[in-house]
C-alpha atoms as a PDB file:
ATOM      1  CA  MET A   1       0.000   0.000   0.000  1.00  0.00           C
ATOM      2  CA  ILE A   2       1.161   3.529  -0.834  1.00  0.00           C
ATOM      3  CA  GLN A   3       0.504   6.345   1.634  1.00  0.00           C
ATOM      4  CA  ASN A   4       1.316  10.068   1.605  1.00  0.00           C
ATOM      5  CA  PHE A   5       2.283  12.137   4.636  1.00  0.00           C
ATOM      6  CA  VAL A   6       3.124  15.746   5.420  1.00  0.00           C
ATOM      7  CA  HIS A   7       5.572  16.702   8.147  1.00  0.00           C
ATOM      8  CA  PHE A   8       6.657  20.161   9.290  1.00  0.00           C
ATOM      9  CA  THR A   9      10.231  20.235  10.488  1.00  0.00           C
ATOM     10  CA  ALA A  10      11.637  21.961  13.550  1.00  0.00           C
ATOM     11  CA  LYS A  11      12.244  24.964  11.274  1.00  0.00           C
ATOM     12  CA  ARG A  12       8.611  24.762  10.075  1.00  0.00           C
ATOM     13  CA  ASN A  13       9.614  23.608   6.621  1.00  0.00           C
ATOM     14  CA  LYS A  14       7.197  21.269   4.841  1.00  0.00           C
ATOM     15  CA  LEU A  15       8.267  17.769   3.844  1.00  0.00           C
ATOM     16  CA  ASN A  16       6.097  15.719   1.480  1.00  0.00           C
ATOM     17  CA  ILE A  17       6.661  12.026   2.190  1.00  0.00           C
ATOM     18  CA  THR A  18       5.489   8.859   0.461  1.00  0.00           C
ATOM     19  CA  SER A  19       5.625   5.382   1.958  1.00  0.00           C
ATOM     20  CA  TYR A  20       5.510   2.100   0.068  1.00  0.00           C
ATOM     21  CA  GLY A  21       4.709  -1.268   1.616  1.00  0.00           C
ATOM     22  CA  SER A  22       2.704  -0.222   4.672  1.00  0.00           C
ATOM     23  CA  GLU A  23       1.520  -3.820   4.909  1.00  0.00           C
ATOM     24  CA  ASN A  24       5.148  -4.829   5.590  1.00  0.00           C
ATOM     25  CA  TYR A  25       5.697  -2.205   8.269  1.00  0.00           C
ATOM     26  CA  PRO A  26       5.392  -4.174  11.536  1.00  0.00           C
ATOM     27  CA  SER A  27       8.344  -6.451  10.791  1.00  0.00           C
ATOM     28  CA  ALA A  28      10.093  -4.934   7.754  1.00  0.00           C
ATOM     29  CA  PRO A  29      13.384  -3.059   7.539  1.00  0.00           C
ATOM     30  CA  CYS A  30      13.035   0.572   6.474  1.00  0.00           C
ATOM     31  CA  LEU A  31      14.636   1.881   3.286  1.00  0.00           C
ATOM     32  CA  ILE A  32      14.824   5.675   2.823  1.00  0.00           C
ATOM     33  CA  PHE A  33      15.414   6.953  -0.722  1.00  0.00           C
ATOM     34  CA  VAL A  34      17.237  10.307  -0.925  1.00  0.00           C
ATOM     35  CA  HIS A  35      16.905  12.256  -4.171  1.00  0.00           C
ATOM     36  CA  GLY A  36      19.602  14.458  -5.655  1.00  0.00           C
ATOM     37  CA  PHE A  37      20.097  17.979  -7.002  1.00  0.00           C
ATOM     38  CA  LYS A  38      17.237  19.045  -9.295  1.00  0.00           C
ATOM     39  CA  GLY A  39      15.565  15.798  -8.273  1.00  0.00           C
ATOM     40  CA  PHE A  40      12.396  14.956  -6.360  1.00  0.00           C
ATOM     41  CA  LYS A  41      10.751  11.874  -4.922  1.00  0.00           C
ATOM     42  CA  ASP A  42       8.410  11.372  -7.885  1.00  0.00           C
ATOM     43  CA  TRP A  43      11.069  11.923 -10.552  1.00  0.00           C
ATOM     44  CA  GLY A  44      11.212   9.117 -13.099  1.00  0.00           C
ATOM     45  CA  PHE A  45      12.342   5.998 -11.303  1.00  0.00           C
ATOM     46  CA  GLY A  46      11.430   7.228  -7.777  1.00  0.00           C
ATOM     47  CA  PRO A  47       8.040   5.485  -7.460  1.00  0.00           C
ATOM     48  CA  TYR A  48       9.415   2.429  -9.271  1.00  0.00           C
ATOM     49  CA  ILE A  49      12.118   2.101  -6.596  1.00  0.00           C
ATOM     50  CA  GLY A  50       9.537   2.388  -3.816  1.00  0.00           C
ATOM     51  CA  ASN A  51       7.291  -0.259  -5.338  1.00  0.00           C
ATOM     52  CA  PHE A  52      10.233  -2.565  -6.036  1.00  0.00           C
ATOM     53  CA  PHE A  53      11.389  -2.600  -2.426  1.00  0.00           C
ATOM     54  CA  ALA A  54       7.826  -2.869  -1.094  1.00  0.00           C
ATOM     55  CA  GLU A  55       7.324  -5.977  -3.225  1.00  0.00           C
ATOM     56  CA  LYS A  56      10.548  -7.360  -1.756  1.00  0.00           C
ATOM     57  CA  GLY A  57       9.121  -7.001   1.755  1.00  0.00           C
ATOM     58  CA  PHE A  58      10.637  -3.654   2.772  1.00  0.00           C
ATOM     59  CA  PHE A  59       8.950  -0.546   4.133  1.00  0.00           C
ATOM     60  CA  ALA A  60      10.210   2.198   1.803  1.00  0.00           C
ATOM     61  CA  LEU A  61      10.118   5.954   2.274  1.00  0.00           C
ATOM     62  CA  SER A  62      10.791   8.721  -0.227  1.00  0.00           C
ATOM     63  CA  PHE A  63      10.478  12.435   0.419  1.00  0.00           C
ATOM     64  CA  ASN A  64      11.114  15.859  -1.050  1.00  0.00           C
ATOM     65  CA  PHE A  65      13.605  18.107   0.656  1.00  0.00           C
ATOM     66  CA  SER A  66      11.742  21.262   1.643  1.00  0.00           C
ATOM     67  CA  HIS A  67      13.917  23.479  -0.566  1.00  0.00           C
ATOM     68  CA  ASN A  68      14.294  21.252  -3.622  1.00  0.00           C
ATOM     69  CA  GLY A  69      12.062  23.625  -5.600  1.00  0.00           C
ATOM     70  CA  VAL A  70       9.125  21.251  -6.018  1.00  0.00           C
ATOM     71  CA  GLY A  71       5.967  22.280  -4.176  1.00  0.00           C
ATOM     72  CA  ASP A  72       2.592  20.649  -3.755  1.00  0.00           C
ATOM     73  CA  SER A  73       2.330  19.925  -7.477  1.00  0.00           C
ATOM     74  CA  LEU A  74       4.953  17.234  -6.624  1.00  0.00           C
ATOM     75  CA  THR A  75       6.340  17.158 -10.175  1.00  0.00           C
ATOM     76  CA  GLU A  76       7.016  20.790 -11.150  1.00  0.00           C
ATOM     77  CA  PHE A  77       9.604  23.306  -9.980  1.00  0.00           C
ATOM     78  CA  THR A  78       7.228  25.957  -8.662  1.00  0.00           C
ATOM     79  CA  GLU A  79       9.233  27.073  -5.612  1.00  0.00           C
ATOM     80  CA  LEU A  80      12.393  28.511  -7.143  1.00  0.00           C
ATOM     81  CA  ASP A  81      12.834  31.028  -4.301  1.00  0.00           C
ATOM     82  CA  LYS A  82      13.153  28.134  -1.861  1.00  0.00           C
ATOM     83  CA  PHE A  83      15.463  26.291  -4.259  1.00  0.00           C
ATOM     84  CA  ALA A  84      17.710  29.361  -4.246  1.00  0.00           C
ATOM     85  CA  GLU A  85      17.966  29.282  -0.445  1.00  0.00           C
ATOM     86  CA  ASN A  86      18.730  25.575  -0.080  1.00  0.00           C
ATOM     87  CA  THR A  87      21.918  24.371   1.629  1.00  0.00           C
ATOM     88  CA  PHE A  88      23.655  21.031   2.069  1.00  0.00           C
ATOM     89  CA  SER A  89      23.390  21.325   5.841  1.00  0.00           C
ATOM     90  CA  LEU A  90      19.636  21.856   5.621  1.00  0.00           C
ATOM     91  CA  GLU A  91      19.268  18.636   3.621  1.00  0.00           C
ATOM     92  CA  ILE A  92      21.246  16.693   6.226  1.00  0.00           C
ATOM     93  CA  GLU A  93      19.047  18.150   8.983  1.00  0.00           C
ATOM     94  CA  GLU A  94      15.905  17.093   7.124  1.00  0.00           C
ATOM     95  CA  LEU A  95      17.131  13.569   6.440  1.00  0.00           C
ATOM     96  CA  VAL A  96      17.917  13.269  10.160  1.00  0.00           C
ATOM     97  CA  GLU A  97      14.331  14.377  10.912  1.00  0.00           C
ATOM     98  CA  ILE A  98      12.954  11.679   8.583  1.00  0.00           C
ATOM     99  CA  ILE A  99      15.055   9.062  10.389  1.00  0.00           C
ATOM    100  CA  ASN A 100      13.853  10.334  13.756  1.00  0.00           C
ATOM    101  CA  LEU A 101      10.237  10.290  12.554  1.00  0.00           C
ATOM    102  CA  TYR A 102      10.578   6.626  11.684  1.00  0.00           C
ATOM    103  CA  ARG A 103      12.198   5.816  15.028  1.00  0.00           C
ATOM    104  CA  SER A 104       9.441   7.659  16.915  1.00  0.00           C
ATOM    105  CA  TYR A 105       6.772   5.476  15.218  1.00  0.00           C
ATOM    106  CA  PHE A 106       5.325   8.335  13.149  1.00  0.00           C
ATOM    107  CA  PHE A 107       4.431   5.771  10.474  1.00  0.00           C
ATOM    108  CA  GLY A 108       3.243   3.107  12.941  1.00  0.00           C
ATOM    109  CA  GLU A 109       4.560   0.541  15.399  1.00  0.00           C
ATOM    110  CA  THR A 110       7.376  -1.697  14.198  1.00  0.00           C
ATOM    111  CA  GLU A 111       9.655  -4.315  15.702  1.00  0.00           C
ATOM    112  CA  ASN A 112      12.359  -4.009  13.037  1.00  0.00           C
ATOM    113  CA  LYS A 113      15.098  -1.516  13.907  1.00  0.00           C
ATOM    114  CA  LYS A 114      17.036  -1.711  10.632  1.00  0.00           C
ATOM    115  CA  ILE A 115      17.226   1.529   8.618  1.00  0.00           C
ATOM    116  CA  PHE A 116      18.918   1.652   5.218  1.00  0.00           C
ATOM    117  CA  LEU A 117      19.725   4.736   3.143  1.00  0.00           C
ATOM    118  CA  LEU A 118      19.723   4.772  -0.658  1.00  0.00           C
ATOM    119  CA  GLY A 119      20.930   8.051  -2.151  1.00  0.00           C
ATOM    120  CA  HIS A 120      21.224   9.128  -5.772  1.00  0.00           C
ATOM    121  CA  SER A 121      23.726  11.733  -6.993  1.00  0.00           C
ATOM    122  CA  ARG A 122      23.939  14.572  -4.441  1.00  0.00           C
ATOM    123  CA  GLY A 123      21.562  12.507  -2.323  1.00  0.00           C
ATOM    124  CA  GLY A 124      24.300   9.885  -2.120  1.00  0.00           C
ATOM    125  CA  ALA A 125      26.667  12.329  -0.443  1.00  0.00           C
ATOM    126  CA  ILE A 126      23.898  13.565   1.874  1.00  0.00           C
ATOM    127  CA  SER A 127      23.258   9.919   2.823  1.00  0.00           C
ATOM    128  CA  LEU A 128      26.940   9.254   3.540  1.00  0.00           C
ATOM    129  CA  LEU A 129      27.285  12.353   5.701  1.00  0.00           C
ATOM    130  CA  THR A 130      24.105  11.533   7.599  1.00  0.00           C
ATOM    131  CA  ALA A 131      24.990   7.872   8.113  1.00  0.00           C
ATOM    132  CA  SER A 132      28.370   8.873   9.529  1.00  0.00           C
ATOM    133  CA  GLN A 133      26.626  10.714  12.375  1.00  0.00           C
ATOM    134  CA  LYS A 134      23.534   8.527  12.907  1.00  0.00           C
ATOM    135  CA  THR A 135      24.311   5.229  14.609  1.00  0.00           C
ATOM    136  CA  GLU A 136      20.797   3.988  13.765  1.00  0.00           C
ATOM    137  CA  ILE A 137      21.714   3.528  10.091  1.00  0.00           C
ATOM    138  CA  SER A 138      22.532  -0.107   9.358  1.00  0.00           C
ATOM    139  CA  ALA A 139      23.877   0.239   5.801  1.00  0.00           C
ATOM    140  CA  VAL A 140      24.136   2.727   2.923  1.00  0.00           C
ATOM    141  CA  ALA A 141      23.865   2.433  -0.854  1.00  0.00           C
ATOM    142  CA  VAL A 142      24.845   5.290  -3.160  1.00  0.00           C
ATOM    143  CA  TRP A 143      24.136   5.523  -6.867  1.00  0.00           C
ATOM    144  CA  SER A 144      26.028   8.020  -9.065  1.00  0.00           C
ATOM    145  CA  SER A 145      27.147   9.821  -5.914  1.00  0.00           C
ATOM    146  CA  VAL A 146      29.232  12.986  -5.907  1.00  0.00           C
ATOM    147  CA  SER A 147      32.479  12.772  -3.944  1.00  0.00           C
ATOM    148  CA  THR A 148      32.622  16.519  -3.273  1.00  0.00           C
ATOM    149  CA  PHE A 149      30.219  19.445  -3.034  1.00  0.00           C
ATOM    150  CA  ASP A 150      32.947  21.867  -4.126  1.00  0.00           C
ATOM    151  CA  ARG A 151      32.138  21.769  -7.833  1.00  0.00           C
ATOM    152  CA  TYR A 152      32.805  25.396  -8.676  1.00  0.00           C
ATOM    153  CA  SER A 153      35.946  27.144  -9.920  1.00  0.00           C
ATOM    154  CA  ASP A 154      37.500  30.106  -8.106  1.00  0.00           C
ATOM    155  CA  ARG A 155      36.286  32.354 -10.893  1.00  0.00           C
ATOM    156  CA  GLN A 156      32.717  31.060 -10.557  1.00  0.00           C
ATOM    157  CA  LYS A 157      32.824  31.623  -6.805  1.00  0.00           C
ATOM    158  CA  GLU A 158      34.116  35.148  -7.303  1.00  0.00           C
ATOM    159  CA  GLN A 159      31.311  35.953  -9.741  1.00  0.00           C
ATOM    160  CA  TRP A 160      28.821  34.233  -7.437  1.00  0.00           C
ATOM    161  CA  ARG A 161      29.752  36.516  -4.576  1.00  0.00           C
ATOM    162  CA  LYS A 162      29.857  39.596  -6.779  1.00  0.00           C
ATOM    163  CA  LYS A 163      26.420  38.931  -8.276  1.00  0.00           C
ATOM    164  CA  GLY A 164      24.905  37.454  -5.119  1.00  0.00           C
ATOM    165  CA  SER A 165      23.704  34.332  -6.895  1.00  0.00           C
ATOM    166  CA  PHE A 166      24.720  31.558  -9.296  1.00  0.00           C
ATOM    167  CA  ASP A 167      22.387  30.415 -12.073  1.00  0.00           C
ATOM    168  CA  VAL A 168      21.916  26.766 -13.012  1.00  0.00           C
ATOM    169  CA  PHE A 169      20.027  25.842 -16.174  1.00  0.00           C
ATOM    170  CA  ASN A 170      17.636  22.893 -16.038  1.00  0.00           C
ATOM    171  CA  THR A 171      17.856  21.366 -19.508  1.00  0.00           C
ATOM    172  CA  ARG A 172      14.703  19.302 -18.997  1.00  0.00           C
ATOM    173  CA  THR A 173      12.376  22.089 -17.846  1.00  0.00           C
ATOM    174  CA  LYS A 174      14.261  24.983 -19.547  1.00  0.00           C
ATOM    175  CA  GLN A 175      14.260  26.920 -16.257  1.00  0.00           C
ATOM    176  CA  GLU A 176      17.009  29.120 -14.868  1.00  0.00           C
ATOM    177  CA  MET A 177      17.411  28.003 -11.265  1.00  0.00           C
ATOM    178  CA  ARG A 178      19.200  30.413  -8.937  1.00  0.00           C
ATOM    179  CA  LEU A 179      21.506  29.450  -6.084  1.00  0.00           C
ATOM    180  CA  ASN A 180      22.023  32.161  -3.489  1.00  0.00           C
ATOM    181  CA  ILE A 181      25.171  32.889  -1.489  1.00  0.00           C
ATOM    182  CA  SER A 182      23.754  30.779   1.356  1.00  0.00           C
ATOM    183  CA  LEU A 183      24.819  27.570  -0.423  1.00  0.00           C
ATOM    184  CA  LEU A 184      28.380  28.795  -1.010  1.00  0.00           C
ATOM    185  CA  ASP A 185      28.635  30.086   2.556  1.00  0.00           C
ATOM    186  CA  ASP A 186      27.459  26.733   3.901  1.00  0.00           C
ATOM    187  CA  LEU A 187      30.025  24.873   1.806  1.00  0.00           C
ATOM    188  CA  GLU A 188      32.953  27.081   2.780  1.00  0.00           C
ATOM    189  CA  ARG A 189      31.984  27.154   6.452  1.00  0.00           C
ATOM    190  CA  HIS A 190      31.646  23.363   6.824  1.00  0.00           C
ATOM    191  CA  LYS A 191      33.776  21.815   4.069  1.00  0.00           C
ATOM    192  CA  ASN A 192      36.327  20.570   6.598  1.00  0.00           C
ATOM    193  CA  ASP A 193      33.864  19.161   9.131  1.00  0.00           C
ATOM    194  CA  SER A 194      30.159  18.320   8.677  1.00  0.00           C
ATOM    195  CA  LEU A 195      30.342  18.513   4.856  1.00  0.00           C
ATOM    196  CA  ASN A 196      33.604  16.602   4.499  1.00  0.00           C
ATOM    197  CA  ILE A 197      32.578  13.570   2.442  1.00  0.00           C
ATOM    198  CA  GLU A 198      36.030  11.975   2.564  1.00  0.00           C
ATOM    199  CA  HIS A 199      36.058  12.006   6.367  1.00  0.00           C
ATOM    200  CA  ALA A 200      32.505  10.639   6.491  1.00  0.00           C
ATOM    201  CA  VAL A 201      33.417   7.694   4.245  1.00  0.00           C
ATOM    202  CA  ARG A 202      36.702   6.930   6.013  1.00  0.00           C
ATOM    203  CA  THR A 203      34.957   6.798   9.392  1.00  0.00           C
ATOM    204  CA  LEU A 204      31.695   5.153   8.256  1.00  0.00           C
ATOM    205  CA  LYS A 205      32.475   1.578   9.366  1.00  0.00           C
ATOM    206  CA  LYS A 206      29.145   0.360   7.992  1.00  0.00           C
ATOM    207  CA  PRO A 207      28.243  -1.718   4.944  1.00  0.00           C
ATOM    208  CA  LEU A 208      28.464   0.482   1.850  1.00  0.00           C
ATOM    209  CA  PHE A 209      27.315  -0.254  -1.698  1.00  0.00           C
ATOM    210  CA  ILE A 210      28.604   2.071  -4.442  1.00  0.00           C
ATOM    211  CA  ALA A 211      27.123   1.916  -7.941  1.00  0.00           C
ATOM    212  CA  HIS A 212      28.289   4.135 -10.779  1.00  0.00           C
ATOM    213  CA  ALA A 213      27.849   4.083 -14.549  1.00  0.00           C
ATOM    214  CA  ASP A 214      30.843   4.357 -16.849  1.00  0.00           C
ATOM    215  CA  GLN A 215      29.096   6.870 -19.148  1.00  0.00           C
ATOM    216  CA  ASP A 216      27.908   9.237 -16.419  1.00  0.00           C
ATOM    217  CA  ILE A 217      28.520  12.786 -17.685  1.00  0.00           C
ATOM    218  CA  ALA A 218      26.878  14.635 -14.785  1.00  0.00           C
ATOM    219  CA  VAL A 219      28.986  12.869 -12.142  1.00  0.00           C
ATOM    220  CA  PRO A 220      31.963  11.051 -13.699  1.00  0.00           C
ATOM    221  CA  ILE A 221      32.684   7.540 -12.531  1.00  0.00           C
ATOM    222  CA  LYS A 222      35.991   8.713 -11.052  1.00  0.00           C
ATOM    223  CA  GLU A 223      33.921  10.192  -8.200  1.00  0.00           C
ATOM    224  CA  GLY A 224      32.418   6.803  -7.359  1.00  0.00           C
ATOM    225  CA  GLU A 225      35.901   5.299  -7.560  1.00  0.00           C
ATOM    226  CA  GLN A 226      37.161   8.012  -5.210  1.00  0.00           C
ATOM    227  CA  ILE A 227      34.489   7.141  -2.650  1.00  0.00           C
ATOM    228  CA  TYR A 228      35.479   3.485  -2.943  1.00  0.00           C
ATOM    229  CA  GLU A 229      39.148   4.382  -2.439  1.00  0.00           C
ATOM    230  CA  TRP A 230      38.284   6.190   0.818  1.00  0.00           C
ATOM    231  CA  SER A 231      36.087   3.366   2.080  1.00  0.00           C
ATOM    232  CA  ASP A 232      36.897   0.441   4.338  1.00  0.00           C
ATOM    233  CA  LYS A 233      37.058  -2.419   1.825  1.00  0.00           C
ATOM    234  CA  ARG A 234      35.908  -4.921   4.445  1.00  0.00           C
ATOM    235  CA  PHE A 235      32.447  -3.355   4.326  1.00  0.00           C
ATOM    236  CA  THR A 236      32.268  -2.017   0.773  1.00  0.00           C
ATOM    237  CA  GLU A 237      31.053  -3.235  -2.612  1.00  0.00           C
ATOM    238  CA  PHE A 238      31.635  -1.366  -5.865  1.00  0.00           C
ATOM    239  CA  TYR A 239      29.410  -2.040  -8.861  1.00  0.00           C
ATOM    240  CA  LYS A 240      30.379  -0.572 -12.230  1.00  0.00           C
ATOM    241  CA  ILE A 241      27.535  -0.278 -14.732  1.00  0.00           C
ATOM    242  CA  ILE A 242      28.719  -0.536 -18.327  1.00  0.00           C
ATOM    243  CA  GLY A 243      27.003   1.431 -21.086  1.00  0.00           C
ATOM    244  CA  SER A 244      24.767   3.601 -18.920  1.00  0.00           C
ATOM    245  CA  GLY A 245      24.559   7.185 -17.686  1.00  0.00           C
ATOM    246  CA  HIS A 246      23.666   9.213 -14.615  1.00  0.00           C
ATOM    247  CA  THR A 247      20.069   7.963 -14.354  1.00  0.00           C
ATOM    248  CA  PHE A 248      20.762   4.471 -15.746  1.00  0.00           C
ATOM    249  CA  ASN A 249      18.846   5.056 -19.000  1.00  0.00           C
ATOM    250  CA  CYS A 250      15.679   6.037 -17.109  1.00  0.00           C
ATOM    251  CA  LYS A 251      13.798   9.236 -17.918  1.00  0.00           C
ATOM    252  CA  HIS A 252      11.188  11.606 -16.545  1.00  0.00           C
ATOM    253  CA  PRO A 253       8.320  11.179 -17.164  1.00  0.00           C
ATOM    254  CA  PHE A 254       9.011   7.512 -16.526  1.00  0.00           C
ATOM    255  CA  GLU A 255       8.849   5.401 -19.663  1.00  0.00           C
ATOM    256  CA  GLY A 256       9.581   2.097 -17.978  1.00  0.00           C
ATOM    257  CA  SER A 257      12.611   0.333 -16.618  1.00  0.00           C
ATOM    258  CA  ASN A 258      15.359  -1.502 -18.486  1.00  0.00           C
ATOM    259  CA  ARG A 259      17.567  -4.513 -17.941  1.00  0.00           C
ATOM    260  CA  LYS A 260      20.505  -2.566 -16.493  1.00  0.00           C
ATOM    261  CA  PHE A 261      18.372  -0.621 -14.040  1.00  0.00           C
ATOM    262  CA  ASP A 262      16.504  -3.734 -12.926  1.00  0.00           C
ATOM    263  CA  LEU A 263      19.853  -5.468 -12.364  1.00  0.00           C
ATOM    264  CA  LEU A 264      21.015  -2.476 -10.302  1.00  0.00           C
ATOM    265  CA  LEU A 265      17.876  -2.744  -8.166  1.00  0.00           C
ATOM    266  CA  GLU A 266      18.417  -6.472  -7.644  1.00  0.00           C
ATOM    267  CA  LYS A 267      22.047  -5.973  -6.633  1.00  0.00           C
ATOM    268  CA  THR A 268      21.054  -3.176  -4.244  1.00  0.00           C
ATOM    269  CA  PHE A 269      18.315  -5.353  -2.737  1.00  0.00           C
ATOM    270  CA  ASN A 270      20.725  -8.271  -2.301  1.00  0.00           C
ATOM    271  CA  PHE A 271      23.192  -5.954  -0.577  1.00  0.00           C
ATOM    272  CA  PHE A 272      20.599  -4.717   1.930  1.00  0.00           C
ATOM    273  CA  ASN A 273      18.947  -8.104   2.345  1.00  0.00           C
ATOM    274  CA  ASP A 274      22.181  -9.591   3.709  1.00  0.00           C
ATOM    275  CA  LYS A 275      22.540  -6.892   6.377  1.00  0.00           C
END
């Protein structure tokens, strides 16, 4: 069964949440899917992931970060002012709130204490950073994950500060999406501590599954390989996907799955199912 929830965070920001597999809840492990930059819970393969894990006996959660730009329409970027004010630290705070909601039985009573994180792209890094500080997380899987948030040249940062914002073009929607100084300030203030992905991976000491496609243009495979290099190999699996890109040949609106994506889902399920 699929259910929708609304939660207002400690900062009074609205989170739209969807659960899959409510019938599994009392005894099932919980899987939380974390979307990436310019992503949202109902993008393309999002619902397909939720249904897949529900059919495998999991209780799956997906949610929209409050400042991802997608409002109550759930599929359109109608809140660009919020998008402009988003920060990495805010996303970590909100993922922590989702985890705490689950542990406080917001979704119902459960006997299973296992919580797994599955993050895509920037959501992969947010998952790694969160898992490094939350002992409740049993294992983490990252798909096409970034290995650093510092993706801007010195010249871009200089212009960003001079202008007061940095514009990102969404090729799918043809929208100019502004990033305010708040994001850059957050990165520079915390890049050596709470936003240090390398430190988070080196100290994770939890099962980690890394999947990356060899034809990923948005986040080159060298970033997935970097995360693997930092990781404790006793707990880590690396899965290289040949002949696929950043979203594993899936599109939005969703036009159906494909053999490579279904194999990725099976490998991710097998990873979690053993934990």
